[in-house]
Amino acid sequence: MSPPADGSFWQTVRLVAWSFFGVRRRADQEQDLRRVKPQHVIVAGLVGAALFVGLLLLLVNWVVDSGAAH
């Protein structure tokens, strides 16, 4: 039986951030996944994805407005 999920939300945010980069040791990932709550992973993933898309939109707008795209 696995130990109860007692990880903090900030541990989950760190886990999700590493997942976006795709660089993580399997042992560390499995250990973190045993400690975090699934609800935290969902919320952190949605927030991370929204931030990523928002940053991409800002970058595209900046490039288009600067004239570098021509």
Protein backbone atom coordinates (compact mmCIF):
# COMPACT_ATOMS: atom_id res chain seq x y z
CA MET A 1 0.00 0.00 0.00
CA SER A 2 1.36 3.44 -0.87
CA PRO A 3 1.74 6.17 1.75
CA PRO A 4 -0.94 8.83 1.83
CA ALA A 5 -0.55 11.81 -0.44
CA ASP A 6 0.84 14.54 1.80
CA GLY A 7 2.76 16.65 -0.69
CA SER A 8 2.23 20.36 -0.74
CA PHE A 9 0.81 22.28 -3.66
CA TRP A 10 4.25 23.85 -4.29
CA GLN A 11 5.83 20.40 -4.63
CA THR A 12 3.18 19.67 -7.22
CA VAL A 13 3.93 22.92 -9.06
CA ARG A 14 7.61 21.93 -9.17
CA LEU A 15 6.68 18.47 -10.46
CA VAL A 16 4.50 19.94 -13.22
CA ALA A 17 7.19 22.48 -14.16
CA TRP A 18 9.75 19.70 -14.60
CA SER A 19 7.19 17.79 -16.65
CA PHE A 20 6.88 20.69 -19.09
CA PHE A 21 10.63 20.50 -19.70
CA GLY A 22 10.56 16.72 -19.99
CA VAL A 23 13.76 16.34 -17.98
CA ARG A 24 13.26 14.25 -14.86
CA ARG A 25 14.79 11.15 -13.37
CA ARG A 26 12.25 8.34 -13.27
CA ALA A 27 12.95 7.54 -9.61
CA ASP A 28 12.39 11.16 -8.55
CA GLN A 29 9.22 11.38 -10.62
CA GLU A 30 7.77 8.19 -9.15
CA GLN A 31 8.59 9.35 -5.63
CA ASP A 32 6.90 12.71 -6.21
CA LEU A 33 3.86 11.09 -7.81
CA ARG A 34 3.32 9.00 -4.68
CA ARG A 35 3.29 12.13 -2.50
CA VAL A 36 1.16 14.59 -4.47
CA LYS A 37 -2.59 14.82 -4.66
CA PRO A 38 -4.21 14.28 -8.07
CA GLN A 39 -6.31 17.44 -7.65
CA HIS A 40 -3.12 19.47 -7.20
CA VAL A 41 -1.62 17.98 -10.35
CA ILE A 42 -4.71 18.87 -12.39
CA VAL A 43 -4.83 22.46 -11.11
CA ALA A 44 -1.08 23.00 -11.47
CA GLY A 45 -1.14 21.51 -14.98
CA LEU A 46 -3.99 23.76 -16.11
CA VAL A 47 -2.37 26.85 -14.62
CA GLY A 48 1.00 25.91 -16.14
CA ALA A 49 -0.54 25.36 -19.56
CA ALA A 50 -2.42 28.67 -19.38
CA LEU A 51 0.77 30.51 -18.43
CA PHE A 52 2.68 28.81 -21.25
CA VAL A 53 0.06 29.75 -23.84
CA GLY A 54 -0.12 33.30 -22.46
CA LEU A 55 3.66 33.70 -22.70
CA LEU A 56 3.62 32.39 -26.27
CA LEU A 57 0.90 34.88 -27.22
CA LEU A 58 2.89 37.74 -25.66
CA LEU A 59 6.02 36.64 -27.53
CA VAL A 60 4.20 36.42 -30.86
CA ASN A 61 2.58 39.83 -30.36
CA TRP A 62 5.93 41.36 -29.45
CA VAL A 63 7.62 39.89 -32.54
CA VAL A 64 4.81 41.01 -34.86
CA ASP A 65 4.69 44.52 -33.35
CA SER A 66 8.47 44.94 -33.55
CA GLY A 67 8.47 44.34 -37.30
CA ALA A 68 10.91 41.44 -37.03
CA ALA A 69 8.39 39.14 -38.68
CA HIS A 70 8.65 40.90 -42.07
